[in-house]
Amino acid sequence: MPMDAMGMTMAPTTDAQEVLDPQNVEQVYASSFVSVLTENLGYYVVVEFLIGTSGLVQKEGILYNAGNNFITLYQTAEDRYVVCDLYSIKFVTFYDRHTPPANVPRQPQPTIPRPRAMG
C-alpha cells in the first residue's frame, strides 16, 4: 500500500482494473471513500459538509474513526468527540500531522442570536 514520507495513505490500494471492474466485496471496499478515511485514522483533517443545497459547514479535528455511514473527529481544543454523517461530506482536507496545524483556514461559525430578556 503506497504511503508518503509522513505515512499517509492517499493512493488507491488497488490497481485501476479492480477500481473499474471490482470482482468482489473486498475490491469494492478497497476503492471506497471510507477505505481512504480508515487508512488515515489519527491524522488531522478539515471536513466540509453540504447542508441543504448550498450551505457548507466545516468541522475539524483528528480523524478518530470511520464507519459505513459516519466519521468521528476528536477536537483537541474542546477535548470532545464529534460524530458526523458520512453522506453529507463533500470535501476532506488531510494534513500530514497528528496535531492541529497553525495555518488551518477557519470558516466563520454562524452566531446564534440570544433571546432578549423580558423586563
PDB file of N, CA and C in Angstrom:
ATOM      1  N   MET A   1       0.839  -1.165   0.000  1.00  0.00           N
ATOM      2  CA  MET A   1       0.000   0.000   0.000  1.00  0.00           C
ATOM      3  C   MET A   1       0.890   1.236   0.000  1.00  0.00           C
ATOM      4  N   PRO A   2       0.801   2.122  -0.996  1.00  0.00           N
ATOM      5  CA  PRO A   2       1.687   3.275  -1.088  1.00  0.00           C
ATOM      6  C   PRO A   2       1.439   4.282   0.026  1.00  0.00           C
ATOM      7  N   MET A   3       2.545   4.752   0.641  1.00  0.00           N
ATOM      8  CA  MET A   3       2.465   5.774   1.677  1.00  0.00           C
ATOM      9  C   MET A   3       3.423   6.889   1.311  1.00  0.00           C
ATOM     10  N   ASP A   4       3.094   8.112   1.732  1.00  0.00           N
ATOM     11  CA  ASP A   4       4.015   9.204   1.507  1.00  0.00           C
ATOM     12  C   ASP A   4       5.056   9.229   2.626  1.00  0.00           C
ATOM     13  N   ALA A   5       5.918  10.228   2.632  1.00  0.00           N
ATOM     14  CA  ALA A   5       7.006  10.291   3.605  1.00  0.00           C
ATOM     15  C   ALA A   5       6.509  10.378   5.045  1.00  0.00           C
ATOM     16  N   MET A   6       5.298  10.904   5.249  1.00  0.00           N
ATOM     17  CA  MET A   6       4.756  11.052   6.597  1.00  0.00           C
ATOM     18  C   MET A   6       3.922   9.838   7.002  1.00  0.00           C
ATOM     19  N   GLY A   7       3.736   8.869   6.099  1.00  0.00           N
ATOM     20  CA  GLY A   7       2.986   7.670   6.432  1.00  0.00           C
ATOM     21  C   GLY A   7       1.528   7.708   6.015  1.00  0.00           C
ATOM     22  N   MET A   8       1.078   8.802   5.385  1.00  0.00           N
ATOM     23  CA  MET A   8      -0.317   8.893   4.962  1.00  0.00           C
ATOM     24  C   MET A   8      -0.551   8.005   3.734  1.00  0.00           C
ATOM     25  N   THR A   9      -1.730   7.438   3.633  1.00  0.00           N
ATOM     26  CA  THR A   9      -2.080   6.554   2.527  1.00  0.00           C
ATOM     27  C   THR A   9      -3.154   7.227   1.687  1.00  0.00           C
ATOM     28  N   MET A  10      -2.756   7.910   0.629  1.00  0.00           N
ATOM     29  CA  MET A  10      -3.710   8.624  -0.202  1.00  0.00           C
ATOM     30  C   MET A  10      -3.939   7.916  -1.543  1.00  0.00           C
ATOM     31  N   ALA A  11      -3.020   7.128  -1.966  1.00  0.00           N
ATOM     32  CA  ALA A  11      -3.154   6.444  -3.252  1.00  0.00           C
ATOM     33  C   ALA A  11      -4.119   5.275  -3.125  1.00  0.00           C
ATOM     34  N   PRO A  12      -4.765   4.914  -4.227  1.00  0.00           N
ATOM     35  CA  PRO A  12      -5.652   3.748  -4.169  1.00  0.00           C
ATOM     36  C   PRO A  12      -4.877   2.501  -3.769  1.00  0.00           C
ATOM     37  N   THR A  13      -5.541   1.614  -3.041  1.00  0.00           N
ATOM     38  CA  THR A  13      -4.886   0.389  -2.598  1.00  0.00           C
ATOM     39  C   THR A  13      -5.037  -0.725  -3.621  1.00  0.00           C
ATOM     40  N   THR A  14      -5.690  -0.445  -4.724  1.00  0.00           N
ATOM     41  CA  THR A  14      -5.922  -1.442  -5.765  1.00  0.00           C
ATOM     42  C   THR A  14      -5.469  -0.894  -7.107  1.00  0.00           C
ATOM     43  N   ASP A  15      -5.322  -1.781  -8.073  1.00  0.00           N
ATOM     44  CA  ASP A  15      -4.947  -1.299  -9.398  1.00  0.00           C
ATOM     45  C   ASP A  15      -6.182  -0.771 -10.123  1.00  0.00           C
ATOM     46  N   ALA A  16      -5.965  -0.106 -11.241  1.00  0.00           N
ATOM     47  CA  ALA A  16      -7.053   0.549 -11.972  1.00  0.00           C
ATOM     48  C   ALA A  16      -8.128  -0.431 -12.426  1.00  0.00           C
ATOM     49  N   GLN A  17      -7.754  -1.630 -12.816  1.00  0.00           N
ATOM     50  CA  GLN A  17      -8.738  -2.612 -13.283  1.00  0.00           C
ATOM     51  C   GLN A  17      -9.703  -3.001 -12.165  1.00  0.00           C
ATOM     52  N   GLU A  18      -9.203  -3.167 -10.944  1.00  0.00           N
ATOM     53  CA  GLU A  18     -10.073  -3.521  -9.825  1.00  0.00           C
ATOM     54  C   GLU A  18     -11.022  -2.381  -9.468  1.00  0.00           C
ATOM     55  N   VAL A  19     -10.585  -1.146  -9.660  1.00  0.00           N
ATOM     56  CA  VAL A  19     -11.451   0.002  -9.396  1.00  0.00           C
ATOM     57  C   VAL A  19     -12.556   0.076 -10.441  1.00  0.00           C
ATOM     58  N   LEU A  20     -12.194  -0.117 -11.704  1.00  0.00           N
ATOM     59  CA  LEU A  20     -13.177  -0.011 -12.784  1.00  0.00           C
ATOM     60  C   LEU A  20     -14.119  -1.208 -12.850  1.00  0.00           C
ATOM     61  N   ASP A  21     -13.624  -2.389 -12.478  1.00  0.00           N
ATOM     62  CA  ASP A  21     -14.441  -3.593 -12.563  1.00  0.00           C
ATOM     63  C   ASP A  21     -14.175  -4.503 -11.364  1.00  0.00           C
ATOM     64  N   PRO A  22     -14.675  -4.117 -10.172  1.00  0.00           N
ATOM     65  CA  PRO A  22     -14.404  -4.931  -8.985  1.00  0.00           C
ATOM     66  C   PRO A  22     -15.061  -6.304  -9.098  1.00  0.00           C
ATOM     67  N   GLN A  23     -14.352  -7.323  -8.620  1.00  0.00           N
ATOM     68  CA  GLN A  23     -14.832  -8.693  -8.720  1.00  0.00           C
ATOM     69  C   GLN A  23     -15.402  -9.233  -7.409  1.00  0.00           C
ATOM     70  N   ASN A  24     -15.154  -8.525  -6.305  1.00  0.00           N
ATOM     71  CA  ASN A  24     -15.671  -8.988  -5.016  1.00  0.00           C
ATOM     72  C   ASN A  24     -15.834  -7.805  -4.067  1.00  0.00           C
ATOM     73  N   VAL A  25     -16.391  -8.062  -2.914  1.00  0.00           N
ATOM     74  CA  VAL A  25     -16.679  -7.006  -1.939  1.00  0.00           C
ATOM     75  C   VAL A  25     -15.406  -6.332  -1.451  1.00  0.00           C
ATOM     76  N   GLU A  26     -14.337  -7.089  -1.263  1.00  0.00           N
ATOM     77  CA  GLU A  26     -13.079  -6.517  -0.792  1.00  0.00           C
ATOM     78  C   GLU A  26     -12.534  -5.490  -1.782  1.00  0.00           C
ATOM     79  N   GLN A  27     -12.652  -5.777  -3.071  1.00  0.00           N
ATOM     80  CA  GLN A  27     -12.181  -4.837  -4.079  1.00  0.00           C
ATOM     81  C   GLN A  27     -13.048  -3.577  -4.116  1.00  0.00           C
ATOM     82  N   VAL A  28     -14.343  -3.716  -3.890  1.00  0.00           N
ATOM     83  CA  VAL A  28     -15.220  -2.544  -3.832  1.00  0.00           C
ATOM     84  C   VAL A  28     -14.820  -1.671  -2.646  1.00  0.00           C
ATOM     85  N   TYR A  29     -14.635  -2.291  -1.480  1.00  0.00           N
ATOM     86  CA  TYR A  29     -14.274  -1.544  -0.281  1.00  0.00           C
ATOM     87  C   TYR A  29     -12.919  -0.854  -0.435  1.00  0.00           C
ATOM     88  N   ALA A  30     -11.953  -1.540  -1.010  1.00  0.00           N
ATOM     89  CA  ALA A  30     -10.594  -1.002  -1.129  1.00  0.00           C
ATOM     90  C   ALA A  30     -10.552   0.278  -1.946  1.00  0.00           C
ATOM     91  N   SER A  31     -11.510   0.474  -2.848  1.00  0.00           N
ATOM     92  CA  SER A  31     -11.510   1.680  -3.674  1.00  0.00           C
ATOM     93  C   SER A  31     -12.555   2.687  -3.203  1.00  0.00           C
ATOM     94  N   SER A  32     -13.034   2.563  -1.971  1.00  0.00           N
ATOM     95  CA  SER A  32     -14.097   3.443  -1.490  1.00  0.00           C
ATOM     96  C   SER A  32     -13.555   4.624  -0.687  1.00  0.00           C
ATOM     97  N   PHE A  33     -14.419   5.588  -0.501  1.00  0.00           N
ATOM     98  CA  PHE A  33     -14.122   6.771   0.297  1.00  0.00           C
ATOM     99  C   PHE A  33     -13.841   6.380   1.749  1.00  0.00           C
ATOM    100  N   VAL A  34     -14.635   5.469   2.281  1.00  0.00           N
ATOM    101  CA  VAL A  34     -14.441   5.009   3.656  1.00  0.00           C
ATOM    102  C   VAL A  34     -13.070   4.346   3.818  1.00  0.00           C
ATOM    103  N   SER A  35     -12.627   3.638   2.807  1.00  0.00           N
ATOM    104  CA  SER A  35     -11.313   2.997   2.870  1.00  0.00           C
ATOM    105  C   SER A  35     -10.201   4.040   3.002  1.00  0.00           C
ATOM    106  N   VAL A  36     -10.286   5.107   2.232  1.00  0.00           N
ATOM    107  CA  VAL A  36      -9.282   6.176   2.331  1.00  0.00           C
ATOM    108  C   VAL A  36      -9.298   6.776   3.735  1.00  0.00           C
ATOM    109  N   LEU A  37     -10.494   6.988   4.264  1.00  0.00           N
ATOM    110  CA  LEU A  37     -10.589   7.540   5.615  1.00  0.00           C
ATOM    111  C   LEU A  37      -9.997   6.586   6.654  1.00  0.00           C
ATOM    112  N   THR A  38     -10.351   5.306   6.582  1.00  0.00           N
ATOM    113  CA  THR A  38      -9.871   4.338   7.588  1.00  0.00           C
ATOM    114  C   THR A  38      -8.360   4.148   7.508  1.00  0.00           C
ATOM    115  N   GLU A  39      -7.805   4.255   6.332  1.00  0.00           N
ATOM    116  CA  GLU A  39      -6.357   4.098   6.193  1.00  0.00           C
ATOM    117  C   GLU A  39      -5.591   5.287   6.782  1.00  0.00           C
ATOM    118  N   ASN A  40      -6.297   6.387   7.068  1.00  0.00           N
ATOM    119  CA  ASN A  40      -5.631   7.599   7.556  1.00  0.00           C
ATOM    120  C   ASN A  40      -6.154   8.052   8.909  1.00  0.00           C
ATOM    121  N   LEU A  41      -6.621   7.115   9.725  1.00  0.00           N
ATOM    122  CA  LEU A  41      -7.061   7.459  11.076  1.00  0.00           C
ATOM    123  C   LEU A  41      -5.894   8.044  11.854  1.00  0.00           C
ATOM    124  N   GLY A  42      -6.183   9.021  12.683  1.00  0.00           N
ATOM    125  CA  GLY A  42      -5.149   9.635  13.505  1.00  0.00           C
ATOM    126  C   GLY A  42      -4.586  10.919  12.933  1.00  0.00           C
ATOM    127  N   TYR A  43      -4.900  11.229  11.684  1.00  0.00           N
ATOM    128  CA  TYR A  43      -4.401  12.454  11.073  1.00  0.00           C
ATOM    129  C   TYR A  43      -5.383  13.598  11.265  1.00  0.00           C
ATOM    130  N   TYR A  44      -4.857  14.813  11.266  1.00  0.00           N
ATOM    131  CA  TYR A  44      -5.691  15.998  11.395  1.00  0.00           C
ATOM    132  C   TYR A  44      -6.388  16.257  10.063  1.00  0.00           C
ATOM    133  N   VAL A  45      -7.705  16.510  10.127  1.00  0.00           N
ATOM    134  CA  VAL A  45      -8.492  16.740   8.913  1.00  0.00           C
ATOM    135  C   VAL A  45      -9.404  17.945   9.096  1.00  0.00           C
ATOM    136  N   VAL A  46      -9.734  18.562   7.974  1.00  0.00           N
ATOM    137  CA  VAL A  46     -10.789  19.561   7.918  1.00  0.00           C
ATOM    138  C   VAL A  46     -11.831  18.987   6.977  1.00  0.00           C
ATOM    139  N   VAL A  47     -13.063  18.843   7.477  1.00  0.00           N
ATOM    140  CA  VAL A  47     -14.138  18.201   6.721  1.00  0.00           C
ATOM    141  C   VAL A  47     -15.210  19.243   6.430  1.00  0.00           C
ATOM    142  N   GLU A  48     -15.662  19.289   5.184  1.00  0.00           N
ATOM    143  CA  GLU A  48     -16.729  20.211   4.805  1.00  0.00           C
ATOM    144  C   GLU A  48     -17.970  19.408   4.464  1.00  0.00           C
ATOM    145  N   PHE A  49     -19.090  19.825   5.043  1.00  0.00           N
ATOM    146  CA  PHE A  49     -20.369  19.148   4.875  1.00  0.00           C
ATOM    147  C   PHE A  49     -21.319  20.051   4.104  1.00  0.00           C
ATOM    148  N   LEU A  50     -22.086  19.462   3.201  1.00  0.00           N
ATOM    149  CA  LEU A  50     -23.114  20.204   2.487  1.00  0.00           C
ATOM    150  C   LEU A  50     -24.394  20.143   3.312  1.00  0.00           C
ATOM    151  N   ILE A  51     -24.893  21.300   3.702  1.00  0.00           N
ATOM    152  CA  ILE A  51     -26.131  21.408   4.458  1.00  0.00           C
ATOM    153  C   ILE A  51     -27.142  22.106   3.555  1.00  0.00           C
ATOM    154  N   GLY A  52     -28.249  21.437   3.273  1.00  0.00           N
ATOM    155  CA  GLY A  52     -29.212  21.991   2.324  1.00  0.00           C
ATOM    156  C   GLY A  52     -28.665  21.899   0.914  1.00  0.00           C
ATOM    157  N   THR A  53     -28.928  22.922   0.116  1.00  0.00           N
ATOM    158  CA  THR A  53     -28.470  22.883  -1.275  1.00  0.00           C
ATOM    159  C   THR A  53     -27.214  23.694  -1.523  1.00  0.00           C
ATOM    160  N   SER A  54     -26.853  24.582  -0.600  1.00  0.00           N
ATOM    161  CA  SER A  54     -25.678  25.410  -0.874  1.00  0.00           C
ATOM    162  C   SER A  54     -24.870  25.781   0.361  1.00  0.00           C
ATOM    163  N   GLY A  55     -25.244  25.310   1.529  1.00  0.00           N
ATOM    164  CA  GLY A  55     -24.511  25.687   2.729  1.00  0.00           C
ATOM    165  C   GLY A  55     -23.421  24.698   3.071  1.00  0.00           C
ATOM    166  N   LEU A  56     -22.200  25.191   3.215  1.00  0.00           N
ATOM    167  CA  LEU A  56     -21.085  24.345   3.642  1.00  0.00           C
ATOM    168  C   LEU A  56     -20.759  24.645   5.099  1.00  0.00           C
ATOM    169  N   VAL A  57     -20.635  23.596   5.895  1.00  0.00           N
ATOM    170  CA  VAL A  57     -20.236  23.718   7.293  1.00  0.00           C
ATOM    171  C   VAL A  57     -18.937  22.952   7.449  1.00  0.00           C
ATOM    172  N   GLN A  58     -18.004  23.546   8.158  1.00  0.00           N
ATOM    173  CA  GLN A  58     -16.682  22.957   8.316  1.00  0.00           C
ATOM    174  C   GLN A  58     -16.485  22.450   9.736  1.00  0.00           C
ATOM    175  N   LYS A  59     -15.978  21.238   9.862  1.00  0.00           N
ATOM    176  CA  LYS A  59     -15.575  20.666  11.149  1.00  0.00           C
ATOM    177  C   LYS A  59     -14.138  20.206  10.999  1.00  0.00           C
ATOM    178  N   GLU A  60     -13.399  20.271  12.078  1.00  0.00           N
ATOM    179  CA  GLU A  60     -12.010  19.847  12.019  1.00  0.00           C
ATOM    180  C   GLU A  60     -11.628  19.108  13.274  1.00  0.00           C
ATOM    181  N   GLY A  61     -10.617  18.287  13.148  1.00  0.00           N
ATOM    182  CA  GLY A  61     -10.118  17.539  14.283  1.00  0.00           C
ATOM    183  C   GLY A  61      -9.308  16.348  13.828  1.00  0.00           C
ATOM    184  N   ILE A  62      -8.933  15.517  14.783  1.00  0.00           N
ATOM    185  CA  ILE A  62      -8.195  14.296  14.490  1.00  0.00           C
ATOM    186  C   ILE A  62      -9.206  13.256  14.024  1.00  0.00           C
ATOM    187  N   LEU A  63      -8.953  12.621  12.890  1.00  0.00           N
ATOM    188  CA  LEU A  63      -9.839  11.574  12.382  1.00  0.00           C
ATOM    189  C   LEU A  63      -9.706  10.365  13.301  1.00  0.00           C
ATOM    190  N   TYR A  64     -10.728  10.139  14.116  1.00  0.00           N
ATOM    191  CA  TYR A  64     -10.681   9.118  15.156  1.00  0.00           C
ATOM    192  C   TYR A  64     -11.257   7.786  14.690  1.00  0.00           C
ATOM    193  N   ASN A  65     -12.341   7.829  13.889  1.00  0.00           N
ATOM    194  CA  ASN A  65     -12.990   6.603  13.441  1.00  0.00           C
ATOM    195  C   ASN A  65     -13.724   6.884  12.141  1.00  0.00           C
ATOM    196  N   ALA A  66     -13.915   5.841  11.324  1.00  0.00           N
ATOM    197  CA  ALA A  66     -14.696   5.950  10.094  1.00  0.00           C
ATOM    198  C   ALA A  66     -15.485   4.660   9.934  1.00  0.00           C
ATOM    199  N   GLY A  67     -16.795   4.783   9.844  1.00  0.00           N
ATOM    200  CA  GLY A  67     -17.666   3.626   9.673  1.00  0.00           C
ATOM    201  C   GLY A  67     -18.373   3.671   8.334  1.00  0.00           C
ATOM    202  N   ASN A  68     -19.360   2.824   8.171  1.00  0.00           N
ATOM    203  CA  ASN A  68     -20.098   2.761   6.909  1.00  0.00           C
ATOM    204  C   ASN A  68     -20.834   4.047   6.589  1.00  0.00           C
ATOM    205  N   ASN A  69     -21.328   4.750   7.606  1.00  0.00           N
ATOM    206  CA  ASN A  69     -22.112   5.954   7.342  1.00  0.00           C
ATOM    207  C   ASN A  69     -21.773   7.113   8.281  1.00  0.00           C
ATOM    208  N   PHE A  70     -20.629   7.064   8.940  1.00  0.00           N
ATOM    209  CA  PHE A  70     -20.242   8.134   9.854  1.00  0.00           C
ATOM    210  C   PHE A  70     -18.730   8.236   9.948  1.00  0.00           C
ATOM    211  N   ILE A  71     -18.275   9.381  10.433  1.00  0.00           N
ATOM    212  CA  ILE A  71     -16.887   9.540  10.871  1.00  0.00           C
ATOM    213  C   ILE A  71     -16.933  10.161  12.267  1.00  0.00           C
ATOM    214  N   THR A  72     -15.893   9.951  13.026  1.00  0.00           N
ATOM    215  CA  THR A  72     -15.767  10.575  14.335  1.00  0.00           C
ATOM    216  C   THR A  72     -14.495  11.407  14.332  1.00  0.00           C
ATOM    217  N   LEU A  73     -14.627  12.669  14.740  1.00  0.00           N
ATOM    218  CA  LEU A  73     -13.496  13.572  14.866  1.00  0.00           C
ATOM    219  C   LEU A  73     -13.247  13.840  16.338  1.00  0.00           C
ATOM    220  N   TYR A  74     -11.975  13.883  16.732  1.00  0.00           N
ATOM    221  CA  TYR A  74     -11.620  14.304  18.075  1.00  0.00           C
ATOM    222  C   TYR A  74     -11.127  15.734  17.984  1.00  0.00           C
ATOM    223  N   GLN A  75     -11.831  16.639  18.663  1.00  0.00           N
ATOM    224  CA  GLN A  75     -11.459  18.047  18.653  1.00  0.00           C
ATOM    225  C   GLN A  75     -10.629  18.325  19.898  1.00  0.00           C
ATOM    226  N   THR A  76      -9.329  18.515  19.691  1.00  0.00           N
ATOM    227  CA  THR A  76      -8.390  18.617  20.803  1.00  0.00           C
ATOM    228  C   THR A  76      -8.620  19.856  21.657  1.00  0.00           C
ATOM    229  N   ALA A  77      -8.922  20.991  21.045  1.00  0.00           N
ATOM    230  CA  ALA A  77      -9.082  22.229  21.813  1.00  0.00           C
ATOM    231  C   ALA A  77     -10.256  22.149  22.781  1.00  0.00           C
ATOM    232  N   GLU A  78     -11.315  21.446  22.380  1.00  0.00           N
ATOM    233  CA  GLU A  78     -12.507  21.320  23.222  1.00  0.00           C
ATOM    234  C   GLU A  78     -12.518  20.017  24.021  1.00  0.00           C
ATOM    235  N   ASP A  79     -11.563  19.127  23.753  1.00  0.00           N
ATOM    236  CA  ASP A  79     -11.486  17.811  24.382  1.00  0.00           C
ATOM    237  C   ASP A  79     -12.821  17.067  24.255  1.00  0.00           C
ATOM    238  N   ARG A  80     -13.297  16.946  22.983  1.00  0.00           N
ATOM    239  CA  ARG A  80     -14.571  16.271  22.729  1.00  0.00           C
ATOM    240  C   ARG A  80     -14.524  15.533  21.399  1.00  0.00           C
ATOM    241  N   TYR A  81     -15.450  14.591  21.277  1.00  0.00           N
ATOM    242  CA  TYR A  81     -15.601  13.814  20.052  1.00  0.00           C
ATOM    243  C   TYR A  81     -16.876  14.266  19.350  1.00  0.00           C
ATOM    244  N   VAL A  82     -16.819  14.363  18.025  1.00  0.00           N
ATOM    245  CA  VAL A  82     -17.981  14.743  17.233  1.00  0.00           C
ATOM    246  C   VAL A  82     -18.207  13.651  16.199  1.00  0.00           C
ATOM    247  N   VAL A  83     -19.414  13.093  16.180  1.00  0.00           N
ATOM    248  CA  VAL A  83     -19.775  12.087  15.183  1.00  0.00           C
ATOM    249  C   VAL A  83     -20.482  12.810  14.044  1.00  0.00           C
ATOM    250  N   CYS A  84     -20.052  12.523  12.811  1.00  0.00           N
ATOM    251  CA  CYS A  84     -20.538  13.254  11.641  1.00  0.00           C
ATOM    252  C   CYS A  84     -21.101  12.290  10.596  1.00  0.00           C
ATOM    253  N   ASP A  85     -22.090  12.751   9.862  1.00  0.00           N
ATOM    254  CA  ASP A  85     -22.743  11.982   8.803  1.00  0.00           C
ATOM    255  C   ASP A  85     -21.836  11.878   7.577  1.00  0.00           C
ATOM    256  N   LEU A  86     -21.512  10.681   7.172  1.00  0.00           N
ATOM    257  CA  LEU A  86     -20.630  10.462   6.025  1.00  0.00           C
ATOM    258  C   LEU A  86     -21.247  10.959   4.723  1.00  0.00           C
ATOM    259  N   TYR A  87     -22.563  10.842   4.583  1.00  0.00           N
ATOM    260  CA  TYR A  87     -23.211  11.131   3.303  1.00  0.00           C
ATOM    261  C   TYR A  87     -23.325  12.614   2.991  1.00  0.00           C
ATOM    262  N   SER A  88     -23.138  13.482   3.969  1.00  0.00           N
ATOM    263  CA  SER A  88     -23.172  14.915   3.671  1.00  0.00           C
ATOM    264  C   SER A  88     -21.768  15.505   3.500  1.00  0.00           C
ATOM    265  N   ILE A  89     -20.741  14.674   3.614  1.00  0.00           N
ATOM    266  CA  ILE A  89     -19.366  15.148   3.416  1.00  0.00           C
ATOM    267  C   ILE A  89     -19.134  15.419   1.933  1.00  0.00           C
ATOM    268  N   LYS A  90     -18.572  16.592   1.647  1.00  0.00           N
ATOM    269  CA  LYS A  90     -18.222  16.943   0.266  1.00  0.00           C
ATOM    270  C   LYS A  90     -16.714  16.995   0.070  1.00  0.00           C
ATOM    271  N   PHE A  91     -15.979  17.481   1.057  1.00  0.00           N
ATOM    272  CA  PHE A  91     -14.531  17.612   0.931  1.00  0.00           C
ATOM    273  C   PHE A  91     -13.862  17.220   2.248  1.00  0.00           C
ATOM    274  N   VAL A  92     -12.715  16.561   2.143  1.00  0.00           N
ATOM    275  CA  VAL A  92     -11.884  16.280   3.310  1.00  0.00           C
ATOM    276  C   VAL A  92     -10.466  16.717   2.960  1.00  0.00           C
ATOM    277  N   THR A  93      -9.913  17.594   3.775  1.00  0.00           N
ATOM    278  CA  THR A  93      -8.529  18.033   3.612  1.00  0.00           C
ATOM    279  C   THR A  93      -7.704  17.340   4.684  1.00  0.00           C
ATOM    280  N   PHE A  94      -6.695  16.595   4.264  1.00  0.00           N
ATOM    281  CA  PHE A  94      -5.826  15.861   5.182  1.00  0.00           C
ATOM    282  C   PHE A  94      -4.552  16.663   5.412  1.00  0.00           C
ATOM    283  N   TYR A  95      -4.115  16.712   6.651  1.00  0.00           N
ATOM    284  CA  TYR A  95      -2.839  17.321   6.994  1.00  0.00           C
ATOM    285  C   TYR A  95      -1.912  16.205   7.439  1.00  0.00           C
ATOM    286  N   ASP A  96      -0.648  16.291   7.045  1.00  0.00           N
ATOM    287  CA  ASP A  96       0.285  15.206   7.345  1.00  0.00           C
ATOM    288  C   ASP A  96       0.878  15.350   8.739  1.00  0.00           C
ATOM    289  N   ARG A  97      -0.017  15.468   9.695  1.00  0.00           N
ATOM    290  CA  ARG A  97       0.377  15.573  11.093  1.00  0.00           C
ATOM    291  C   ARG A  97      -0.768  15.095  11.969  1.00  0.00           C
ATOM    292  N   HIS A  98      -0.461  14.824  13.215  1.00  0.00           N
ATOM    293  CA  HIS A  98      -1.452  14.304  14.157  1.00  0.00           C
ATOM    294  C   HIS A  98      -1.945  15.373  15.127  1.00  0.00           C
ATOM    295  N   THR A  99      -1.490  16.600  14.949  1.00  0.00           N
ATOM    296  CA  THR A  99      -1.922  17.706  15.800  1.00  0.00           C
ATOM    297  C   THR A  99      -2.414  18.846  14.914  1.00  0.00           C
ATOM    298  N   PRO A 100      -3.216  19.755  15.440  1.00  0.00           N
ATOM    299  CA  PRO A 100      -3.723  20.858  14.606  1.00  0.00           C
ATOM    300  C   PRO A 100      -2.589  21.745  14.101  1.00  0.00           C
ATOM    301  N   PRO A 101      -2.533  21.981  12.795  1.00  0.00           N
ATOM    302  CA  PRO A 101      -1.527  22.906  12.273  1.00  0.00           C
ATOM    303  C   PRO A 101      -1.914  24.349  12.590  1.00  0.00           C
ATOM    304  N   ALA A 102      -0.936  25.217  12.629  1.00  0.00           N
ATOM    305  CA  ALA A 102      -1.181  26.619  12.970  1.00  0.00           C
ATOM    306  C   ALA A 102      -1.871  27.375  11.844  1.00  0.00           C
ATOM    307  N   ASN A 103      -1.745  26.916  10.615  1.00  0.00           N
ATOM    308  CA  ASN A 103      -2.231  27.685   9.465  1.00  0.00           C
ATOM    309  C   ASN A 103      -3.525  27.144   8.858  1.00  0.00           C
ATOM    310  N   VAL A 104      -4.357  26.458   9.622  1.00  0.00           N
ATOM    311  CA  VAL A 104      -5.609  25.939   9.079  1.00  0.00           C
ATOM    312  C   VAL A 104      -6.569  27.105   8.882  1.00  0.00           C
ATOM    313  N   PRO A 105      -7.075  27.306   7.646  1.00  0.00           N
ATOM    314  CA  PRO A 105      -8.043  28.379   7.445  1.00  0.00           C
ATOM    315  C   PRO A 105      -9.337  28.064   8.193  1.00  0.00           C
ATOM    316  N   ARG A 106      -9.821  28.999   8.954  1.00  0.00           N
ATOM    317  CA  ARG A 106     -11.020  28.798   9.765  1.00  0.00           C
ATOM    318  C   ARG A 106     -12.232  29.383   9.057  1.00  0.00           C
ATOM    319  N   GLN A 107     -13.301  28.601   9.013  1.00  0.00           N
ATOM    320  CA  GLN A 107     -14.559  29.090   8.469  1.00  0.00           C
ATOM    321  C   GLN A 107     -15.289  29.800   9.601  1.00  0.00           C
ATOM    322  N   PRO A 108     -15.789  31.006   9.358  1.00  0.00           N
ATOM    323  CA  PRO A 108     -16.525  31.672  10.434  1.00  0.00           C
ATOM    324  C   PRO A 108     -17.768  30.870  10.801  1.00  0.00           C
ATOM    325  N   GLN A 109     -17.974  30.677  12.092  1.00  0.00           N
ATOM    326  CA  GLN A 109     -19.147  29.953  12.558  1.00  0.00           C
ATOM    327  C   GLN A 109     -20.306  30.921  12.714  1.00  0.00           C
ATOM    328  N   PRO A 110     -21.511  30.497  12.356  1.00  0.00           N
ATOM    329  CA  PRO A 110     -22.652  31.402  12.484  1.00  0.00           C
ATOM    330  C   PRO A 110     -22.928  31.698  13.955  1.00  0.00           C
ATOM    331  N   THR A 111     -23.326  32.922  14.204  1.00  0.00           N
ATOM    332  CA  THR A 111     -23.684  33.285  15.569  1.00  0.00           C
ATOM    333  C   THR A 111     -25.178  33.082  15.747  1.00  0.00           C
ATOM    334  N   ILE A 112     -25.527  32.514  16.859  1.00  0.00           N
ATOM    335  CA  ILE A 112     -26.926  32.273  17.170  1.00  0.00           C
ATOM    336  C   ILE A 112     -27.401  33.406  18.064  1.00  0.00           C
ATOM    337  N   PRO A 113     -28.436  34.128  17.644  1.00  0.00           N
ATOM    338  CA  PRO A 113     -28.888  35.248  18.479  1.00  0.00           C
ATOM    339  C   PRO A 113     -29.437  34.742  19.805  1.00  0.00           C
ATOM    340  N   ARG A 114     -29.095  35.454  20.865  1.00  0.00           N
ATOM    341  CA  ARG A 114     -29.603  35.111  22.186  1.00  0.00           C
ATOM    342  C   ARG A 114     -30.964  35.760  22.375  1.00  0.00           C
ATOM    343  N   PRO A 115     -31.853  35.061  23.066  1.00  0.00           N
ATOM    344  CA  PRO A 115     -33.157  35.671  23.320  1.00  0.00           C
ATOM    345  C   PRO A 115     -33.021  36.914  24.193  1.00  0.00           C
ATOM    346  N   ARG A 116     -33.841  37.881  23.884  1.00  0.00           N
ATOM    347  CA  ARG A 116     -33.813  39.113  24.679  1.00  0.00           C
ATOM    348  C   ARG A 116     -34.483  38.875  26.025  1.00  0.00           C
ATOM    349  N   ALA A 117     -33.941  39.510  27.025  1.00  0.00           N
ATOM    350  CA  ALA A 117     -34.526  39.374  28.358  1.00  0.00           C
ATOM    351  C   ALA A 117     -35.815  40.173  28.446  1.00  0.00           C
ATOM    352  N   MET A 118     -36.807  39.592  29.061  1.00  0.00           N
ATOM    353  CA  MET A 118     -38.076  40.293  29.269  1.00  0.00           C
ATOM    354  C   MET A 118     -37.940  41.209  30.467  1.00  0.00           C
ATOM    355  N   GLY A 119     -38.449  42.335  30.387  1.00  0.00           N
ATOM    356  CA  GLY A 119     -38.331  43.149  31.568  1.00  0.00           C
ATOM    357  C   GLY A 119     -39.012  44.393  31.453  1.00  0.00           C
TER     358      GLY A 119
END
